[in-house]
Amino acid sequence: MPHPGDREPEHGREDADGTIWFTVAQAARFLRCSPQTIYSWERRGHLDRDAAPTDENGRRIYTQQQIAAALRTAQHNTAAIRRPHAA
């Protein structure tokens, strides 16, 4: 989990072991989407809201890997919906 002295890149925060953490707002900026998209991923179970640690301000934070996995899942689900059905 991030610590106050950790380096903070433009998007997200990098901790001592190199893991980059994002708040919902930072993840949305990084992905160039709305924070509502990230909240939607939480509701759909792509991100585990209940298990997410929080930063020093009480905001939920997710690793870059968690955000990337949620994005892949959302893209996969969207592609499946848009796939033409065989008649």
Protein backbone atom coordinates (compact mmCIF):
# COMPACT_ATOMS: atom_id res chain seq x y z
CA MET A 1 0.00 0.00 0.00
CA PRO A 2 1.28 3.49 -0.77
CA HIS A 3 3.03 5.52 1.86
CA PRO A 4 3.11 9.34 2.11
CA GLY A 5 6.80 9.49 1.17
CA ASP A 6 6.40 7.45 -2.01
CA ARG A 7 6.99 9.02 -5.39
CA GLU A 8 3.81 10.20 -7.10
CA PRO A 9 3.90 10.18 -10.92
CA GLU A 10 1.50 12.29 -12.98
CA HIS A 11 -1.13 9.55 -12.76
CA GLY A 12 -1.21 7.29 -9.75
CA ARG A 13 1.31 6.74 -7.01
CA GLU A 14 4.27 4.40 -7.06
CA ASP A 15 5.23 2.65 -3.83
CA ALA A 16 8.62 1.32 -2.77
CA ASP A 17 8.27 -1.99 -4.63
CA GLY A 18 7.27 -0.30 -7.90
CA THR A 19 3.52 -0.96 -7.72
CA ILE A 20 1.48 1.92 -9.11
CA TRP A 21 -1.76 2.70 -7.27
CA PHE A 22 -4.68 4.74 -8.60
CA THR A 23 -7.64 6.39 -6.94
CA VAL A 24 -10.85 6.18 -8.97
CA ALA A 25 -10.30 9.73 -10.28
CA GLN A 26 -6.66 9.03 -11.21
CA ALA A 27 -7.59 5.79 -12.99
CA ALA A 28 -10.26 7.63 -14.97
CA ARG A 29 -7.78 10.34 -16.01
CA PHE A 30 -5.18 7.72 -16.91
CA LEU A 31 -7.66 5.82 -19.08
CA ARG A 32 -9.27 9.02 -20.40
CA CYS A 33 -12.70 7.94 -19.28
CA SER A 34 -15.28 9.11 -16.78
CA PRO A 35 -14.99 8.17 -13.10
CA GLN A 36 -18.49 6.73 -13.61
CA THR A 37 -16.87 4.07 -15.81
CA ILE A 38 -14.68 2.96 -12.92
CA TYR A 39 -17.68 2.97 -10.55
CA SER A 40 -19.53 0.85 -13.10
CA TRP A 41 -16.67 -1.67 -13.06
CA GLU A 42 -16.96 -1.80 -9.27
CA ARG A 43 -20.72 -2.47 -9.46
CA ARG A 44 -20.20 -5.19 -12.06
CA GLY A 45 -17.50 -6.89 -10.00
CA HIS A 46 -14.56 -6.11 -12.31
CA LEU A 47 -12.94 -4.36 -9.33
CA ASP A 48 -13.38 -5.62 -5.78
CA ARG A 49 -14.56 -2.50 -4.01
CA ASP A 50 -14.84 -4.20 -0.61
CA ALA A 51 -11.25 -5.50 -0.67
CA ALA A 52 -9.70 -2.27 -1.99
CA PRO A 53 -7.32 -0.53 0.39
CA THR A 54 -7.66 3.20 0.92
CA ASP A 55 -5.18 6.05 0.74
CA GLU A 56 -4.47 8.52 3.54
CA ASN A 57 -7.60 10.46 2.53
CA GLY A 58 -9.89 7.42 2.71
CA ARG A 59 -10.26 7.02 -1.06
CA ARG A 60 -10.29 3.51 -2.53
CA ILE A 61 -7.15 2.69 -4.48
CA TYR A 62 -6.42 0.01 -7.06
CA THR A 63 -3.18 -1.22 -8.61
CA GLN A 64 -2.34 -0.61 -12.23
CA GLN A 65 -2.72 -4.37 -12.78
CA GLN A 66 -6.24 -4.37 -11.28
CA ILE A 67 -7.28 -1.44 -13.48
CA ALA A 68 -5.80 -3.12 -16.58
CA ALA A 69 -7.61 -6.38 -15.81
CA ALA A 70 -10.91 -4.54 -15.30
CA LEU A 71 -10.43 -2.74 -18.63
CA ARG A 72 -9.75 -6.04 -20.45
CA THR A 73 -12.85 -7.61 -18.89
CA ALA A 74 -15.02 -4.64 -19.84
CA GLN A 75 -13.66 -4.66 -23.40
CA HIS A 76 -14.23 -8.41 -23.68
CA ASN A 77 -17.81 -8.05 -22.46
CA THR A 78 -18.47 -5.18 -24.87
CA ALA A 79 -17.06 -7.19 -27.79
CA ALA A 80 -19.26 -10.16 -26.86
CA ILE A 81 -22.36 -7.97 -26.82
CA ARG A 82 -21.54 -6.42 -30.19
CA ARG A 83 -20.74 -9.75 -31.84
CA PRO A 84 -23.39 -10.57 -34.43
CA HIS A 85 -25.58 -13.49 -33.46
CA ALA A 86 -25.76 -16.45 -35.85
CA ALA A 87 -29.25 -16.95 -37.22
